[in-house]
Amino acid sequence: MDKLTTIQLIAVWILPILFAVTFHEAAHGYVAHKLGDDTAYMLGRISANPLKHIDLIGTIIVPLLLLVSTGFVFGWAKPVPVNQNRLRNPKRDFALVALAGPTSNFLMAVFWIAILKIAFMLPRSETLLPLVYMCQAGVSINLVLMVLNLIPIPPLDGSRFVSYLLPRPWDLYFDKVTPFGFLIILALIMSGILSKIMSPAITFLQQFLLMIFQIH
């Protein structure tokens, strides 16, 4: 995508980003609803409508600035509210709700690479090129969000699973890191450490999906 203009890059990435963060948050709400907490359901947050989930900073401004300046893209939507105390098994189910987000991103990556496979099976045409780029962007942003959210730094989704595994009172001590989590993540981004942590996993998953779908 190096030859694309800024406007073309935005056009290619905007839908994959919106769908990635929308389904990520909707998945949290859907699983919470199934496990006993209807908070997100009552607020209309179990929806594929991006307008229900868009955060101006996290969904629009940050991803586009990163895209234009670094080529590394991630973002976030408005968090879906989950009342842990309303879940049938609060500690375990909260971990399952958290893991629903990254799982949805993996499934979205599979969706985009399946469309890419179909595009490659069609007769070669310049009109297909934007679709190919969009599919590549869809795979990339969803794998980035999946891997990022599985990092066990509160409040990322992976930390909820770690908290579930920890016995009391260690889970409570671990959760106290939450107010500082964003600063930790920001420091990792600025230092380049986050990219080094995530890149091997993202590359492995990309190669795995390419192999499964036999895309060369």
C-alpha atoms as a PDB file:
ATOM      1  CA  MET A   1       0.000   0.000   0.000  1.00  0.00           C
ATOM      2  CA  ASP A   2       3.056   2.261  -0.118  1.00  0.00           C
ATOM      3  CA  LYS A   3       1.947   3.882  -3.385  1.00  0.00           C
ATOM      4  CA  LEU A   4      -1.466   4.946  -2.092  1.00  0.00           C
ATOM      5  CA  THR A   5      -2.187   8.579  -1.315  1.00  0.00           C
ATOM      6  CA  THR A   6      -3.341   9.617   2.156  1.00  0.00           C
ATOM      7  CA  ILE A   7      -6.967   9.810   0.989  1.00  0.00           C
ATOM      8  CA  GLN A   8      -6.725   6.357  -0.592  1.00  0.00           C
ATOM      9  CA  LEU A   9      -5.189   4.921   2.594  1.00  0.00           C
ATOM     10  CA  ILE A  10      -8.042   6.339   4.665  1.00  0.00           C
ATOM     11  CA  ALA A  11     -10.616   4.938   2.208  1.00  0.00           C
ATOM     12  CA  VAL A  12      -9.017   1.486   2.405  1.00  0.00           C
ATOM     13  CA  TRP A  13      -8.704   1.390   6.201  1.00  0.00           C
ATOM     14  CA  ILE A  14     -11.844   3.155   7.438  1.00  0.00           C
ATOM     15  CA  LEU A  15     -14.306   0.248   7.077  1.00  0.00           C
ATOM     16  CA  PRO A  16     -11.952  -2.429   8.497  1.00  0.00           C
ATOM     17  CA  ILE A  17     -11.227  -0.219  11.521  1.00  0.00           C
ATOM     18  CA  LEU A  18     -14.912   0.543  12.148  1.00  0.00           C
ATOM     19  CA  PHE A  19     -15.942  -3.105  11.825  1.00  0.00           C
ATOM     20  CA  ALA A  20     -13.026  -4.335  13.952  1.00  0.00           C
ATOM     21  CA  VAL A  21     -13.769  -2.127  16.964  1.00  0.00           C
ATOM     22  CA  THR A  22     -17.568  -2.411  16.546  1.00  0.00           C
ATOM     23  CA  PHE A  23     -17.695  -6.202  16.578  1.00  0.00           C
ATOM     24  CA  HIS A  24     -15.074  -6.327  19.329  1.00  0.00           C
ATOM     25  CA  GLU A  25     -17.277  -4.303  21.682  1.00  0.00           C
ATOM     26  CA  ALA A  26     -20.525  -5.922  20.542  1.00  0.00           C
ATOM     27  CA  ALA A  27     -19.000  -9.333  21.276  1.00  0.00           C
ATOM     28  CA  HIS A  28     -18.292  -8.276  24.870  1.00  0.00           C
ATOM     29  CA  GLY A  29     -21.908  -7.206  25.278  1.00  0.00           C
ATOM     30  CA  TYR A  30     -23.337 -10.299  23.593  1.00  0.00           C
ATOM     31  CA  VAL A  31     -21.415 -12.743  25.786  1.00  0.00           C
ATOM     32  CA  ALA A  32     -22.208 -10.709  28.916  1.00  0.00           C
ATOM     33  CA  HIS A  33     -25.912 -10.874  28.003  1.00  0.00           C
ATOM     34  CA  LYS A  34     -25.720 -14.645  27.532  1.00  0.00           C
ATOM     35  CA  LEU A  35     -23.999 -15.006  30.917  1.00  0.00           C
ATOM     36  CA  GLY A  36     -26.575 -13.011  32.847  1.00  0.00           C
ATOM     37  CA  ASP A  37     -25.710  -9.297  32.565  1.00  0.00           C
ATOM     38  CA  ASP A  38     -28.111  -7.387  30.324  1.00  0.00           C
ATOM     39  CA  THR A  39     -26.533  -3.945  30.922  1.00  0.00           C
ATOM     40  CA  ALA A  40     -25.124  -3.632  27.390  1.00  0.00           C
ATOM     41  CA  TYR A  41     -28.307  -5.109  25.913  1.00  0.00           C
ATOM     42  CA  MET A  42     -30.515  -2.543  27.657  1.00  0.00           C
ATOM     43  CA  LEU A  43     -28.263   0.267  26.385  1.00  0.00           C
ATOM     44  CA  GLY A  44     -28.443  -0.979  22.796  1.00  0.00           C
ATOM     45  CA  ARG A  45     -24.730  -1.776  22.685  1.00  0.00           C
ATOM     46  CA  ILE A  46     -25.118  -5.295  21.267  1.00  0.00           C
ATOM     47  CA  SER A  47     -25.255  -3.880  17.779  1.00  0.00           C
ATOM     48  CA  ALA A  48     -23.328  -3.985  14.509  1.00  0.00           C
ATOM     49  CA  ASN A  49     -24.083  -0.284  14.058  1.00  0.00           C
ATOM     50  CA  PRO A  50     -20.709   1.519  14.386  1.00  0.00           C
ATOM     51  CA  LEU A  51     -22.470   4.684  15.608  1.00  0.00           C
ATOM     52  CA  LYS A  52     -23.317   2.831  18.836  1.00  0.00           C
ATOM     53  CA  HIS A  53     -19.635   2.231  19.571  1.00  0.00           C
ATOM     54  CA  ILE A  54     -17.551   4.972  17.929  1.00  0.00           C
ATOM     55  CA  ASP A  55     -15.213   6.951  20.145  1.00  0.00           C
ATOM     56  CA  LEU A  56     -14.058  10.097  18.333  1.00  0.00           C
ATOM     57  CA  ILE A  57     -10.512   9.860  19.683  1.00  0.00           C
ATOM     58  CA  GLY A  58      -9.977   6.095  19.740  1.00  0.00           C
ATOM     59  CA  THR A  59     -11.923   5.058  16.644  1.00  0.00           C
ATOM     60  CA  ILE A  60     -11.213   7.964  14.293  1.00  0.00           C
ATOM     61  CA  ILE A  61      -8.432  10.362  15.268  1.00  0.00           C
ATOM     62  CA  VAL A  62      -5.794   8.037  16.782  1.00  0.00           C
ATOM     63  CA  PRO A  63      -6.003   5.310  14.084  1.00  0.00           C
ATOM     64  CA  LEU A  64      -5.842   7.826  11.236  1.00  0.00           C
ATOM     65  CA  LEU A  65      -2.927   9.739  12.782  1.00  0.00           C
ATOM     66  CA  LEU A  66      -1.026   6.491  13.341  1.00  0.00           C
ATOM     67  CA  LEU A  67      -1.839   5.306   9.819  1.00  0.00           C
ATOM     68  CA  VAL A  68      -0.535   8.468   8.185  1.00  0.00           C
ATOM     69  CA  SER A  69       2.505   8.899  10.435  1.00  0.00           C
ATOM     70  CA  THR A  70       3.700   5.365  11.194  1.00  0.00           C
ATOM     71  CA  GLY A  71       1.686   2.811   9.226  1.00  0.00           C
ATOM     72  CA  PHE A  72       1.009   0.993  12.528  1.00  0.00           C
ATOM     73  CA  VAL A  73      -2.716   1.109  13.215  1.00  0.00           C
ATOM     74  CA  PHE A  74      -4.779   0.367  16.273  1.00  0.00           C
ATOM     75  CA  GLY A  75      -7.713   1.985  17.992  1.00  0.00           C
ATOM     76  CA  TRP A  76     -10.561   1.466  20.390  1.00  0.00           C
ATOM     77  CA  ALA A  77     -14.269   2.106  20.758  1.00  0.00           C
ATOM     78  CA  LYS A  78     -16.419   3.160  23.698  1.00  0.00           C
ATOM     79  CA  PRO A  79     -16.110   0.298  26.196  1.00  0.00           C
ATOM     80  CA  VAL A  80     -19.244  -1.785  26.602  1.00  0.00           C
ATOM     81  CA  PRO A  81     -20.435  -1.553  30.224  1.00  0.00           C
ATOM     82  CA  VAL A  82     -20.399  -4.890  32.054  1.00  0.00           C
ATOM     83  CA  ASN A  83     -21.726  -5.330  35.584  1.00  0.00           C
ATOM     84  CA  GLN A  84     -19.594  -8.163  36.899  1.00  0.00           C
ATOM     85  CA  ASN A  85     -21.903  -8.724  39.872  1.00  0.00           C
ATOM     86  CA  ARG A  86     -24.820  -9.568  37.571  1.00  0.00           C
ATOM     87  CA  LEU A  87     -22.938 -12.389  35.861  1.00  0.00           C
ATOM     88  CA  ARG A  88     -23.897 -15.890  37.006  1.00  0.00           C
ATOM     89  CA  ASN A  89     -20.306 -16.786  37.898  1.00  0.00           C
ATOM     90  CA  PRO A  90     -18.776 -13.297  38.278  1.00  0.00           C
ATOM     91  CA  LYS A  91     -15.050 -14.048  38.217  1.00  0.00           C
ATOM     92  CA  ARG A  92     -15.082 -16.757  35.537  1.00  0.00           C
ATOM     93  CA  ASP A  93     -17.723 -15.118  33.354  1.00  0.00           C
ATOM     94  CA  PHE A  94     -15.966 -11.742  33.434  1.00  0.00           C
ATOM     95  CA  ALA A  95     -12.918 -13.471  31.945  1.00  0.00           C
ATOM     96  CA  LEU A  96     -15.088 -15.062  29.246  1.00  0.00           C
ATOM     97  CA  VAL A  97     -16.649 -11.687  28.429  1.00  0.00           C
ATOM     98  CA  ALA A  98     -13.156 -10.204  28.097  1.00  0.00           C
ATOM     99  CA  LEU A  99     -11.934 -12.981  25.779  1.00  0.00           C
ATOM    100  CA  ALA A 100     -14.966 -12.495  23.513  1.00  0.00           C
ATOM    101  CA  GLY A 101     -13.411  -9.307  22.104  1.00  0.00           C
ATOM    102  CA  PRO A 102     -10.121 -10.796  20.839  1.00  0.00           C
ATOM    103  CA  THR A 103     -12.022 -13.873  19.627  1.00  0.00           C
ATOM    104  CA  SER A 104     -14.278 -11.665  17.510  1.00  0.00           C
ATOM    105  CA  ASN A 105     -11.201 -10.002  16.003  1.00  0.00           C
ATOM    106  CA  PHE A 106      -9.738 -13.367  15.034  1.00  0.00           C
ATOM    107  CA  LEU A 107     -13.022 -14.346  13.380  1.00  0.00           C
ATOM    108  CA  MET A 108     -13.060 -11.007  11.555  1.00  0.00           C
ATOM    109  CA  ALA A 109      -9.517 -11.640  10.322  1.00  0.00           C
ATOM    110  CA  VAL A 110     -10.705 -15.020   8.993  1.00  0.00           C
ATOM    111  CA  PHE A 111     -13.623 -13.258   7.283  1.00  0.00           C
ATOM    112  CA  TRP A 112     -11.369 -10.718   5.560  1.00  0.00           C
ATOM    113  CA  ILE A 113      -8.853 -13.316   4.401  1.00  0.00           C
ATOM    114  CA  ALA A 114     -11.699 -15.470   3.036  1.00  0.00           C
ATOM    115  CA  ILE A 115     -12.866 -12.481   0.963  1.00  0.00           C
ATOM    116  CA  LEU A 116      -9.246 -11.979  -0.140  1.00  0.00           C
ATOM    117  CA  LYS A 117      -9.105 -15.618  -1.270  1.00  0.00           C
ATOM    118  CA  ILE A 118     -12.271 -15.124  -3.328  1.00  0.00           C
ATOM    119  CA  ALA A 119     -10.846 -11.927  -4.849  1.00  0.00           C
ATOM    120  CA  PHE A 120      -7.710 -13.787  -5.945  1.00  0.00           C
ATOM    121  CA  MET A 121      -9.850 -16.483  -7.574  1.00  0.00           C
ATOM    122  CA  LEU A 122     -11.627 -13.932  -9.764  1.00  0.00           C
ATOM    123  CA  PRO A 123     -10.184 -12.726 -13.096  1.00  0.00           C
ATOM    124  CA  ARG A 124      -7.448 -10.159 -12.516  1.00  0.00           C
ATOM    125  CA  SER A 125      -8.799  -6.624 -12.752  1.00  0.00           C
ATOM    126  CA  GLU A 126      -7.730  -3.165 -11.609  1.00  0.00           C
ATOM    127  CA  THR A 127     -11.194  -2.724 -10.116  1.00  0.00           C
ATOM    128  CA  LEU A 128     -10.442  -5.515  -7.618  1.00  0.00           C
ATOM    129  CA  LEU A 129      -7.328  -3.807  -6.292  1.00  0.00           C
ATOM    130  CA  PRO A 130      -9.154  -1.606  -3.718  1.00  0.00           C
ATOM    131  CA  LEU A 131     -10.931  -4.723  -2.394  1.00  0.00           C
ATOM    132  CA  VAL A 132      -7.616  -6.567  -2.088  1.00  0.00           C
ATOM    133  CA  TYR A 133      -6.103  -3.654  -0.153  1.00  0.00           C
ATOM    134  CA  MET A 134      -9.169  -3.436   2.088  1.00  0.00           C
ATOM    135  CA  CYS A 135      -8.997  -7.171   2.835  1.00  0.00           C
ATOM    136  CA  GLN A 136      -5.308  -6.872   3.713  1.00  0.00           C
ATOM    137  CA  ALA A 137      -6.141  -3.955   6.014  1.00  0.00           C
ATOM    138  CA  GLY A 138      -8.968  -5.967   7.577  1.00  0.00           C
ATOM    139  CA  VAL A 139      -6.676  -8.871   8.379  1.00  0.00           C
ATOM    140  CA  SER A 140      -3.994  -6.558   9.775  1.00  0.00           C
ATOM    141  CA  ILE A 141      -6.163  -4.395  12.051  1.00  0.00           C
ATOM    142  CA  ASN A 142      -8.027  -7.377  13.486  1.00  0.00           C
ATOM    143  CA  LEU A 143      -4.852  -9.317  14.254  1.00  0.00           C
ATOM    144  CA  VAL A 144      -3.314  -6.200  15.799  1.00  0.00           C
ATOM    145  CA  LEU A 145      -6.362  -5.677  18.031  1.00  0.00           C
ATOM    146  CA  MET A 146      -6.478  -9.358  18.940  1.00  0.00           C
ATOM    147  CA  VAL A 147      -2.826  -9.562  19.951  1.00  0.00           C
ATOM    148  CA  LEU A 148      -2.853  -6.157  21.660  1.00  0.00           C
ATOM    149  CA  ASN A 149      -5.890  -6.991  23.774  1.00  0.00           C
ATOM    150  CA  LEU A 150      -4.440 -10.329  24.846  1.00  0.00           C
ATOM    151  CA  ILE A 151      -1.461  -8.587  26.463  1.00  0.00           C
ATOM    152  CA  PRO A 152      -1.999  -8.979  30.232  1.00  0.00           C
ATOM    153  CA  ILE A 153      -1.876  -5.298  31.154  1.00  0.00           C
ATOM    154  CA  PRO A 154      -5.012  -3.964  32.890  1.00  0.00           C
ATOM    155  CA  PRO A 155      -7.472  -2.966  31.539  1.00  0.00           C
ATOM    156  CA  LEU A 156      -6.731  -4.918  28.332  1.00  0.00           C
ATOM    157  CA  ASP A 157      -8.808  -8.064  27.865  1.00  0.00           C
ATOM    158  CA  GLY A 158      -5.899 -10.404  28.528  1.00  0.00           C
ATOM    159  CA  SER A 159      -5.551  -9.000  32.025  1.00  0.00           C
ATOM    160  CA  ARG A 160      -9.085 -10.133  32.880  1.00  0.00           C
ATOM    161  CA  PHE A 161      -8.145 -13.716  32.112  1.00  0.00           C
ATOM    162  CA  VAL A 162      -4.965 -13.429  34.186  1.00  0.00           C
ATOM    163  CA  SER A 163      -7.027 -11.974  37.038  1.00  0.00           C
ATOM    164  CA  TYR A 164      -9.346 -14.986  36.796  1.00  0.00           C
ATOM    165  CA  LEU A 165      -6.392 -17.376  37.103  1.00  0.00           C
ATOM    166  CA  LEU A 166      -4.884 -15.589  40.109  1.00  0.00           C
ATOM    167  CA  PRO A 167      -6.075 -16.606  43.589  1.00  0.00           C
ATOM    168  CA  ARG A 168      -7.281 -14.062  46.128  1.00  0.00           C
ATOM    169  CA  PRO A 169      -5.902 -11.606  47.123  1.00  0.00           C
ATOM    170  CA  TRP A 170      -3.386 -11.564  44.250  1.00  0.00           C
ATOM    171  CA  ASP A 171      -6.118 -10.848  41.700  1.00  0.00           C
ATOM    172  CA  LEU A 172      -7.120  -7.752  43.665  1.00  0.00           C
ATOM    173  CA  TYR A 173      -3.513  -6.516  43.788  1.00  0.00           C
ATOM    174  CA  PHE A 174      -3.179  -7.145  40.046  1.00  0.00           C
ATOM    175  CA  ASP A 175      -6.377  -5.224  39.247  1.00  0.00           C
ATOM    176  CA  LYS A 176      -5.023  -2.184  41.099  1.00  0.00           C
ATOM    177  CA  VAL A 177      -2.675  -1.629  38.139  1.00  0.00           C
ATOM    178  CA  THR A 178      -5.725  -0.665  36.007  1.00  0.00           C
ATOM    179  CA  PRO A 179      -5.524   3.156  36.552  1.00  0.00           C
ATOM    180  CA  PHE A 180      -1.932   3.087  35.275  1.00  0.00           C
ATOM    181  CA  GLY A 181      -2.528   0.664  32.410  1.00  0.00           C
ATOM    182  CA  PHE A 182      -2.967   3.273  29.692  1.00  0.00           C
ATOM    183  CA  LEU A 183       0.252   5.022  30.710  1.00  0.00           C
ATOM    184  CA  ILE A 184       2.116   1.697  30.605  1.00  0.00           C
ATOM    185  CA  ILE A 185       0.747   0.945  27.133  1.00  0.00           C
ATOM    186  CA  LEU A 186       1.587   4.459  25.927  1.00  0.00           C
ATOM    187  CA  ALA A 187       5.156   4.105  27.235  1.00  0.00           C
ATOM    188  CA  LEU A 188       5.508   0.755  25.445  1.00  0.00           C
ATOM    189  CA  ILE A 189       4.276   2.332  22.204  1.00  0.00           C
ATOM    190  CA  MET A 190       6.568   5.357  22.435  1.00  0.00           C
ATOM    191  CA  SER A 191       9.594   3.188  23.219  1.00  0.00           C
ATOM    192  CA  GLY A 192       8.911   0.779  20.367  1.00  0.00           C
ATOM    193  CA  ILE A 193       8.770  -2.139  22.789  1.00  0.00           C
ATOM    194  CA  LEU A 194       5.091  -2.830  22.107  1.00  0.00           C
ATOM    195  CA  SER A 195       5.734  -3.314  18.404  1.00  0.00           C
ATOM    196  CA  LYS A 196       8.577  -5.729  19.152  1.00  0.00           C
ATOM    197  CA  ILE A 197       6.342  -7.682  21.524  1.00  0.00           C
ATOM    198  CA  MET A 198       3.421  -7.890  19.119  1.00  0.00           C
ATOM    199  CA  SER A 199       5.120  -8.314  15.732  1.00  0.00           C
ATOM    200  CA  PRO A 200       6.156 -12.003  16.074  1.00  0.00           C
ATOM    201  CA  ALA A 201       2.643 -13.065  17.101  1.00  0.00           C
ATOM    202  CA  ILE A 202       0.980 -11.016  14.362  1.00  0.00           C
ATOM    203  CA  THR A 203       3.377 -12.356  11.719  1.00  0.00           C
ATOM    204  CA  PHE A 204       2.794 -15.936  12.876  1.00  0.00           C
ATOM    205  CA  LEU A 205      -0.997 -15.531  12.713  1.00  0.00           C
ATOM    206  CA  GLN A 206      -0.822 -13.892   9.276  1.00  0.00           C
ATOM    207  CA  GLN A 207       1.326 -16.722   7.930  1.00  0.00           C
ATOM    208  CA  PHE A 208      -0.977 -19.279   9.548  1.00  0.00           C
ATOM    209  CA  LEU A 209      -4.071 -17.810   7.889  1.00  0.00           C
ATOM    210  CA  LEU A 210      -2.308 -17.494   4.527  1.00  0.00           C
ATOM    211  CA  MET A 211      -1.318 -21.161   4.771  1.00  0.00           C
ATOM    212  CA  ILE A 212      -4.837 -22.311   5.753  1.00  0.00           C
ATOM    213  CA  PHE A 213      -6.400 -20.411   2.861  1.00  0.00           C
ATOM    214  CA  GLN A 214      -3.527 -21.332   0.521  1.00  0.00           C
ATOM    215  CA  ILE A 215      -2.776 -17.755  -0.472  1.00  0.00           C
ATOM    216  CA  HIS A 216       0.707 -17.257  -1.866  1.00  0.00           C
END
